[in-house]
Amino acid sequence: MENELTLKRFTDIRRDLGHTQAEFAKLLGISNTTADIERGRTKLSGRVVAELLKQFNINPLWLFGESDDKHLDTNKTSVIPKVVTVDSEDRDNMVLVNAKAAAGYPQNIADTSWYQQLPAFDMPIPEFRNATYRGFQVEGDSMLPNLQPGEWVLAKGIEHIDHVSANKMYVVVLQDSVMVKKIEKKPNSNNITLVSLNETYPPYDIKPFQIQEIWEVSSKLTFNVDATTEKGLLRQLQESMEELKKQVGQVKN
């Protein structure tokens, strides 16, 4: 049977994560609860130790009292751009990945020749210097109201998932798809949560190793700019507020 330190550490992991014995058992693929493991009645199986490493980065050597490092980082997977595109004079340029090309992007991500079929341009303004940028066309309505379907985002390649910020939008390239999302990292969890701005799309969790590249959205190209829309909306809002004030006034009287 496991020593007391191992049992204590296993129990502490569960408590730190805020799970009941039944919830933790379900996460780890154990039937019923983790109570018997925590009492030392049931052996801590290799499969459970593997799950603790996979889901929560728990170092097996720490669990068995042979290391002071609680976590092992199994996700030092680089999310840096796999290919940097250049023009004929060897200067970085910005490739544009339209919605159709995005369907093949994850599979061709490291194929330098594939990028040559895509349009590319140089943006000679300071904001687009000293980093690798790429343009992606927005598909679908999951990021409304900030991004409309068909618009383009210009995004900067980042090196590591630790560099993401909760208040920015990102182009996330998974193993089989390209999407624009917000990224949230939960404390004490090995999962990454992808969040849509359009609340009709629920957030969902992925593992960091599923991510091939992350691009931080820095700006967007928008079309059909209407000079009257904003003003019209503002006027409607003001009129609605005035109407509401009148109704409130009538109620009070």
Protein backbone atom coordinates (compact mmCIF):
# COMPACT_ATOMS: atom_id res chain seq x y z
CA MET A 1 0.00 0.00 0.00
CA GLU A 2 1.01 3.63 -0.53
CA ASN A 3 2.79 5.52 2.21
CA GLU A 4 0.96 8.17 4.19
CA LEU A 5 2.65 11.03 2.37
CA THR A 6 1.37 9.77 -1.00
CA LEU A 7 -2.18 9.41 0.34
CA LYS A 8 -2.02 12.89 1.87
CA ARG A 9 -0.74 14.38 -1.38
CA PHE A 10 -3.42 12.62 -3.43
CA THR A 11 -6.12 13.93 -1.05
CA ASP A 12 -4.61 17.42 -1.08
CA ILE A 13 -4.71 17.52 -4.89
CA ARG A 14 -8.44 16.74 -4.82
CA ARG A 15 -9.14 19.34 -2.12
CA ASP A 16 -7.03 22.02 -3.83
CA LEU A 17 -9.03 21.45 -7.01
CA GLY A 18 -12.26 21.72 -5.04
CA HIS A 19 -13.68 18.30 -6.00
CA THR A 20 -15.71 15.88 -3.92
CA GLN A 21 -14.47 12.27 -3.77
CA ALA A 22 -17.17 11.28 -6.28
CA GLU A 23 -16.35 14.13 -8.70
CA PHE A 24 -12.64 13.39 -8.54
CA ALA A 25 -13.26 9.69 -9.16
CA LYS A 26 -15.29 10.50 -12.27
CA LEU A 27 -12.51 12.76 -13.63
CA LEU A 28 -9.91 10.05 -13.06
CA GLY A 29 -12.00 7.20 -14.47
CA ILE A 30 -12.46 5.45 -11.09
CA SER A 31 -15.80 3.84 -10.25
CA ASN A 32 -17.74 5.38 -7.33
CA THR A 33 -15.39 7.54 -5.20
CA THR A 34 -11.74 8.08 -4.31
CA ALA A 35 -12.47 7.34 -0.64
CA ASP A 36 -10.81 3.89 -0.65
CA ILE A 37 -7.63 5.27 -2.24
CA GLU A 38 -7.51 8.12 0.29
CA ARG A 39 -7.90 5.64 3.18
CA GLY A 40 -5.17 3.39 1.77
CA ARG A 41 -7.55 0.49 1.11
CA THR A 42 -7.13 0.56 -2.68
CA LYS A 43 -3.85 0.83 -4.53
CA LEU A 44 -3.18 3.98 -6.53
CA SER A 45 -3.08 2.51 -10.04
CA GLY A 46 -0.67 3.53 -12.78
CA ARG A 47 -3.67 4.68 -14.85
CA VAL A 48 -4.74 7.11 -12.11
CA VAL A 49 -1.18 8.44 -11.76
CA ALA A 50 -1.10 8.93 -15.57
CA GLU A 51 -4.41 10.83 -15.45
CA LEU A 52 -3.10 13.10 -12.68
CA LEU A 53 -0.11 13.91 -14.89
CA LYS A 54 -2.16 14.34 -18.06
CA GLN A 55 -4.98 16.43 -16.59
CA PHE A 56 -3.25 18.38 -13.82
CA ASN A 57 0.51 18.17 -14.55
CA ILE A 58 1.10 16.30 -11.27
CA ASN A 59 4.67 14.96 -11.11
CA PRO A 60 4.49 11.21 -10.23
CA LEU A 61 7.82 11.47 -8.34
CA TRP A 62 6.34 14.24 -6.15
CA LEU A 63 3.25 12.12 -5.52
CA PHE A 64 5.45 9.29 -4.19
CA GLY A 65 7.61 11.63 -2.10
CA GLU A 66 10.68 11.46 -4.31
CA SER A 67 10.66 15.04 -5.64
CA ASP A 68 9.87 18.53 -4.35
CA ASP A 69 8.49 19.60 -7.75
CA LYS A 70 4.74 19.13 -7.64
CA HIS A 71 4.13 19.92 -11.31
CA LEU A 72 5.71 18.64 -14.50
CA ASP A 73 5.11 20.79 -17.54
CA THR A 74 4.07 18.36 -20.24
CA ASN A 75 2.85 21.22 -22.40
CA LYS A 76 5.95 23.07 -23.42
CA THR A 77 4.52 22.63 -26.88
CA SER A 78 5.49 25.69 -28.83
CA VAL A 79 2.58 27.62 -30.37
CA ILE A 80 4.99 29.85 -32.30
CA PRO A 81 4.26 30.14 -36.06
CA LYS A 82 5.46 26.98 -37.79
CA VAL A 83 6.38 28.89 -40.98
CA VAL A 84 7.48 32.52 -41.32
CA THR A 85 6.70 33.81 -44.80
CA VAL A 86 9.01 36.26 -46.58
CA ASP A 87 8.90 38.27 -49.78
CA SER A 88 11.42 38.14 -52.66
CA GLU A 89 13.78 40.38 -50.68
CA ASP A 90 13.68 38.12 -47.60
CA ARG A 91 11.51 40.48 -45.56
CA ASP A 92 8.64 39.17 -43.43
CA ASN A 93 5.30 39.62 -45.14
CA MET A 94 1.73 39.08 -44.05
CA VAL A 95 -0.03 36.11 -45.61
CA LEU A 96 -3.83 36.27 -45.85
CA VAL A 97 -5.67 33.04 -44.98
CA ASN A 98 -9.22 33.26 -46.33
CA ALA A 99 -12.10 31.09 -45.11
CA LYS A 100 -11.55 28.49 -47.86
CA ALA A 101 -7.79 28.27 -47.20
CA ALA A 102 -8.41 28.00 -43.44
CA ALA A 103 -10.00 24.58 -44.02
CA GLY A 104 -6.61 23.23 -45.17
CA TYR A 105 -4.42 25.36 -42.91
CA PRO A 106 -4.06 22.93 -39.93
CA GLN A 107 -2.96 20.08 -42.21
CA ASN A 108 -0.48 22.23 -44.21
CA ILE A 109 0.77 24.33 -41.30
CA ALA A 110 4.44 23.35 -41.71
CA ASP A 111 4.48 23.12 -45.53
CA THR A 112 6.31 26.22 -46.79
CA SER A 113 5.19 25.63 -50.40
CA TRP A 114 1.49 25.65 -49.39
CA TYR A 115 1.74 29.28 -48.25
CA GLN A 116 2.93 30.38 -51.70
CA GLN A 117 -0.59 30.02 -53.14
CA LEU A 118 -1.91 32.60 -50.65
CA PRO A 119 -1.91 36.37 -51.19
CA ALA A 120 0.59 38.29 -49.05
CA PHE A 121 1.42 41.93 -48.45
CA ASP A 122 3.60 44.21 -46.40
CA MET A 123 2.02 46.70 -43.99
CA PRO A 124 4.56 49.54 -43.72
CA ILE A 125 3.36 51.05 -40.46
CA PRO A 126 5.10 50.84 -37.05
CA GLU A 127 2.39 48.73 -35.40
CA PHE A 128 3.25 45.83 -37.72
CA ARG A 129 6.97 45.75 -37.13
CA ASN A 130 9.18 43.43 -35.02
CA ALA A 131 6.79 40.48 -35.02
CA THR A 132 5.24 37.92 -37.38
CA TYR A 133 1.73 38.83 -38.51
CA ARG A 134 -0.88 36.90 -40.47
CA GLY A 135 -4.36 37.76 -41.71
CA PHE A 136 -7.32 35.42 -41.14
CA GLN A 137 -10.84 35.76 -42.45
CA VAL A 138 -13.58 35.50 -39.81
CA GLU A 139 -16.06 32.69 -40.33
CA GLY A 140 -19.43 32.47 -38.60
CA ASP A 141 -20.98 34.69 -35.95
CA SER A 142 -19.41 33.35 -32.74
CA MET A 143 -17.53 36.61 -32.09
CA LEU A 144 -20.41 39.02 -32.68
CA PRO A 145 -20.73 41.92 -32.03
CA ASN A 146 -16.95 42.57 -32.21
CA LEU A 147 -16.26 40.60 -35.40
CA GLN A 148 -18.66 40.21 -38.33
CA PRO A 149 -18.61 37.14 -40.61
CA GLY A 150 -16.34 37.83 -43.60
CA GLU A 151 -14.22 40.47 -41.87
CA TRP A 152 -10.46 39.96 -41.58
CA VAL A 153 -8.35 40.02 -38.45
CA LEU A 154 -4.65 40.83 -38.52
CA ALA A 155 -2.91 38.89 -35.80
CA LYS A 156 0.54 38.55 -34.26
CA GLY A 157 2.19 35.17 -33.70
CA ILE A 158 2.96 34.37 -30.05
CA GLU A 159 5.50 31.94 -28.68
CA HIS A 160 3.87 30.28 -25.72
CA ILE A 161 0.43 29.77 -24.26
CA ASP A 162 1.59 31.52 -21.07
CA HIS A 163 1.64 34.76 -23.06
CA VAL A 164 -2.13 34.85 -23.60
CA SER A 165 -4.26 37.46 -21.86
CA ALA A 166 -7.91 37.07 -20.78
CA ASN A 167 -9.02 40.36 -22.36
CA LYS A 168 -7.72 39.78 -25.91
CA MET A 169 -8.99 37.80 -28.89
CA TYR A 170 -6.91 35.08 -30.55
CA VAL A 171 -6.85 33.04 -33.71
CA VAL A 172 -6.46 29.50 -32.37
CA VAL A 173 -5.21 26.86 -34.80
CA LEU A 174 -6.16 23.40 -33.54
CA GLN A 175 -5.26 20.09 -35.15
CA ASP A 176 -8.31 20.23 -37.41
CA SER A 177 -9.70 23.78 -37.38
CA VAL A 178 -9.00 27.52 -37.22
CA MET A 179 -11.14 29.74 -35.01
CA VAL A 180 -11.21 33.15 -33.37
CA LYS A 181 -11.84 33.00 -29.61
CA LYS A 182 -10.95 34.42 -26.24
CA ILE A 183 -8.70 32.11 -24.20
CA GLU A 184 -9.07 31.51 -20.47
CA LYS A 185 -6.69 29.47 -18.34
CA LYS A 186 -8.21 28.08 -15.17
CA PRO A 187 -6.08 27.90 -12.03
CA ASN A 188 -5.23 24.35 -10.90
CA SER A 189 -6.36 22.94 -14.22
CA ASN A 190 -4.50 21.71 -17.25
CA ASN A 191 -7.38 22.70 -19.52
CA ILE A 192 -7.67 25.78 -21.72
CA THR A 193 -11.15 27.29 -22.18
CA LEU A 194 -12.13 28.77 -25.55
CA VAL A 195 -14.78 31.46 -25.17
CA SER A 196 -17.03 33.04 -27.82
CA LEU A 197 -18.26 36.62 -27.42
CA ASN A 198 -21.64 35.58 -28.83
CA GLU A 199 -23.25 34.02 -25.76
CA THR A 200 -25.32 31.57 -27.80
CA TYR A 201 -22.07 29.60 -28.20
CA PRO A 202 -21.07 27.93 -24.91
CA PRO A 203 -17.40 27.95 -23.87
CA TYR A 204 -15.57 24.65 -24.12
CA ASP A 205 -12.37 23.12 -22.79
CA ILE A 206 -9.42 21.78 -24.74
CA LYS A 207 -5.98 20.46 -23.82
CA PRO A 208 -2.97 22.65 -24.64
CA PHE A 209 -1.42 19.94 -26.81
CA GLN A 210 -4.38 20.26 -29.22
CA ILE A 211 -3.19 23.77 -30.15
CA GLN A 212 -0.74 24.18 -33.04
CA GLU A 213 -0.52 27.99 -33.21
CA ILE A 214 -1.94 31.01 -31.41
CA TRP A 215 -2.15 34.44 -33.04
CA GLU A 216 -3.07 37.51 -30.99
CA VAL A 217 -5.62 39.67 -32.82
CA SER A 218 -4.25 43.19 -33.08
CA SER A 219 -6.63 44.81 -35.58
CA LYS A 220 -9.31 44.06 -38.14
CA LEU A 221 -10.23 44.97 -41.69
CA THR A 222 -13.89 45.87 -41.90
CA PHE A 223 -16.05 46.66 -44.90
CA ASN A 224 -19.40 48.35 -45.65
CA VAL A 225 -18.53 51.16 -43.25
CA ASP A 226 -21.72 53.16 -42.79
CA ALA A 227 -21.39 56.72 -41.55
CA THR A 228 -24.94 56.85 -40.21
CA THR A 229 -25.27 53.55 -38.37
CA GLU A 230 -23.54 54.50 -35.13
CA LYS A 231 -25.37 57.81 -34.92
CA GLY A 232 -28.69 56.13 -35.62
CA LEU A 233 -28.12 53.55 -32.89
CA LEU A 234 -27.08 56.25 -30.44
CA ARG A 235 -30.18 58.29 -31.22
CA GLN A 236 -32.40 55.21 -30.77
CA LEU A 237 -30.74 54.52 -27.43
CA GLN A 238 -31.24 58.11 -26.25
CA GLU A 239 -34.90 58.07 -27.32
CA SER A 240 -35.42 54.76 -25.50
CA MET A 241 -33.86 56.24 -22.36
CA GLU A 242 -36.08 59.33 -22.58
CA GLU A 243 -39.15 57.12 -23.00
CA LEU A 244 -38.10 55.01 -20.02
CA LYS A 245 -37.61 58.13 -17.88
CA LYS A 246 -41.13 59.32 -18.80
CA GLN A 247 -42.63 55.95 -17.86
CA VAL A 248 -40.75 55.92 -14.56
CA GLY A 249 -41.95 59.48 -13.91
CA GLN A 250 -45.55 58.46 -14.58
CA VAL A 251 -45.26 55.49 -12.20
CA LYS A 252 -43.94 57.77 -9.46
CA ASN A 253 -46.81 60.21 -9.97
